[in-house]
């Protein structure tokens, strides 16, 4: 039996419509089979990504999706993590080095609050028992 994975990402914004996002997520996570081999199942993986101000909405969407899948006898595994998004001035954000201020001028660069991001990974299908 062959197992494959499809990873889809949905960015949840603060103005996103919950019902449309839930429908989109359920369409992604619905069970599918590979056309060449009907016994092989595809592990569907959905990652919901949201900035800190939309984290509550992303959690709500994930809980609704989990509830609907479980109501229909499906299995789903959730993994949640919080990470820091790189700031515009940090190396790696756009591949450039941050600007350097003159030394000894008495100017301290203002510190910015890190931008947090929540990532909710929902997995159904072939390997959802093993995660």
Protein backbone atom coordinates (compact mmCIF):
# COMPACT_ATOMS: atom_id res chain seq x y z
CA UNK A 1 0.00 0.00 0.00
CA UNK A 2 1.40 3.35 -1.08
CA UNK A 3 1.05 6.44 1.09
CA UNK A 4 1.42 10.00 -0.13
CA UNK A 5 1.09 13.38 1.57
CA UNK A 6 -0.45 16.59 0.33
CA UNK A 7 0.32 19.68 2.41
CA UNK A 8 -1.95 22.70 1.98
CA UNK A 9 -1.63 26.03 3.80
CA UNK A 10 -4.40 28.51 4.58
CA UNK A 11 -3.48 31.94 5.93
CA UNK A 12 -6.15 33.07 8.41
CA UNK A 13 -6.56 36.85 8.48
CA UNK A 14 -8.47 38.84 11.08
CA UNK A 15 -11.15 39.70 8.51
CA UNK A 16 -11.51 36.10 7.21
CA UNK A 17 -14.96 34.55 7.04
CA UNK A 18 -15.02 31.54 9.41
CA UNK A 19 -17.66 29.53 7.53
CA UNK A 20 -15.89 29.90 4.16
CA UNK A 21 -12.55 28.92 5.69
CA UNK A 22 -14.10 25.89 7.42
CA UNK A 23 -15.65 24.77 4.12
CA UNK A 24 -12.31 25.21 2.35
CA UNK A 25 -10.52 23.23 5.07
CA UNK A 26 -13.07 20.40 4.96
CA UNK A 27 -12.70 20.18 1.18
CA UNK A 28 -8.94 19.85 1.58
CA UNK A 29 -9.14 17.25 4.36
CA UNK A 30 -11.80 15.08 2.74
CA UNK A 31 -10.54 11.53 2.05
CA UNK A 32 -9.18 10.81 -1.43
CA UNK A 33 -7.55 7.84 -3.12
CA UNK A 34 -4.87 7.71 -5.77
CA UNK A 35 -6.34 7.04 -9.22
CA UNK A 36 -3.76 4.39 -10.15
CA UNK A 37 -4.17 2.38 -6.96
CA UNK A 38 -7.55 2.42 -5.19
CA UNK A 39 -6.08 0.77 -2.06
CA UNK A 40 -3.55 3.56 -1.51
CA UNK A 41 -4.66 6.54 0.54
CA UNK A 42 -3.34 10.07 0.48
CA UNK A 43 -2.55 11.68 3.82
CA UNK A 44 -4.11 15.12 3.66
CA UNK A 45 -2.36 17.77 5.74
CA UNK A 46 -3.68 21.27 6.31
CA UNK A 47 -1.68 24.01 7.98
CA UNK A 48 -3.62 26.99 9.30
CA UNK A 49 -1.28 29.95 9.75
CA UNK A 50 -2.33 33.14 11.53
CA UNK A 51 -0.67 36.17 13.07
CA UNK A 52 -1.15 36.71 16.80
CA UNK A 53 -4.17 38.98 16.38
CA UNK A 54 -6.01 36.30 14.35
CA UNK A 55 -4.91 33.30 16.44
CA UNK A 56 -8.29 32.97 18.15
CA UNK A 57 -10.03 32.78 14.79
CA UNK A 58 -7.59 30.09 13.58
CA UNK A 59 -8.20 28.02 16.72
CA UNK A 60 -11.98 28.36 16.25
CA UNK A 61 -11.68 27.18 12.64
CA UNK A 62 -9.52 24.20 13.67
CA UNK A 63 -11.97 23.15 16.40
CA UNK A 64 -14.97 23.34 14.05
CA UNK A 65 -13.15 21.30 11.40
CA UNK A 66 -12.12 18.67 13.98
CA UNK A 67 -15.67 18.43 15.33
CA UNK A 68 -17.19 17.99 11.85
CA UNK A 69 -14.68 15.30 10.85
CA UNK A 70 -15.23 13.38 14.09
CA UNK A 71 -19.04 13.62 13.67
CA UNK A 72 -18.66 11.70 10.41
CA UNK A 73 -16.43 9.01 11.91
CA UNK A 74 -13.12 10.36 10.67
CA UNK A 75 -9.81 10.53 12.51
CA UNK A 76 -7.78 13.69 12.74
CA UNK A 77 -4.54 14.67 14.47
CA UNK A 78 -3.73 18.24 15.48
CA UNK A 79 -0.32 19.73 16.16
CA UNK A 80 -0.04 23.37 17.22
CA UNK A 81 3.07 25.52 17.44
CA UNK A 82 3.84 29.18 17.92
CA UNK A 83 6.73 30.71 16.05
CA UNK A 84 8.26 34.12 15.50
CA UNK A 85 8.07 35.66 12.07
CA UNK A 86 11.26 37.43 10.99
CA UNK A 87 11.03 41.22 11.06
CA UNK A 88 11.70 43.24 7.92
CA UNK A 89 15.07 44.44 9.21
CA UNK A 90 16.35 41.05 10.35
CA UNK A 91 18.67 39.01 8.19
CA UNK A 92 16.76 36.27 6.45
CA UNK A 93 13.55 38.24 6.04
CA UNK A 94 14.55 39.44 2.58
CA UNK A 95 18.13 38.15 2.37
CA UNK A 96 19.73 41.52 3.19
CA UNK A 97 21.77 42.56 6.19
CA UNK A 98 20.10 44.92 8.69
CA UNK A 99 21.11 48.58 8.66
CA UNK A 100 23.91 49.47 11.05
CA UNK A 101 23.81 52.67 13.10
CA UNK A 102 26.90 54.76 13.81
CA UNK A 103 28.76 53.57 16.87
CA UNK A 104 29.17 55.91 19.83
CA UNK A 105 26.46 58.32 18.77
CA UNK A 106 24.29 57.51 21.76
CA UNK A 107 21.42 56.31 19.59
CA UNK A 108 19.83 53.04 20.55
CA UNK A 109 17.82 51.33 17.90
CA UNK A 110 14.25 50.96 19.17
CA UNK A 111 13.27 47.40 19.89
CA UNK A 112 10.24 46.06 18.14
CA UNK A 113 7.95 43.48 19.64
CA UNK A 114 8.42 40.17 17.80
CA UNK A 115 5.62 39.20 15.49
CA UNK A 116 4.23 35.86 16.65
CA UNK A 117 2.48 33.42 14.39
CA UNK A 118 0.45 30.32 15.24
CA UNK A 119 0.63 27.25 13.01
CA UNK A 120 -2.06 24.61 13.43
CA UNK A 121 -1.40 21.38 11.54
CA UNK A 122 -4.38 19.12 10.93
CA UNK A 123 -3.76 15.69 9.42
CA UNK A 124 -6.15 13.03 8.22
CA UNK A 125 -5.61 9.91 6.18
CA UNK A 126 -2.94 7.26 5.99
CA UNK A 127 -0.51 8.23 8.77
CA UNK A 128 -2.80 10.15 11.11
CA UNK A 129 -2.54 7.38 13.74
CA UNK A 130 1.25 7.52 13.85
CA UNK A 131 1.85 11.23 14.50
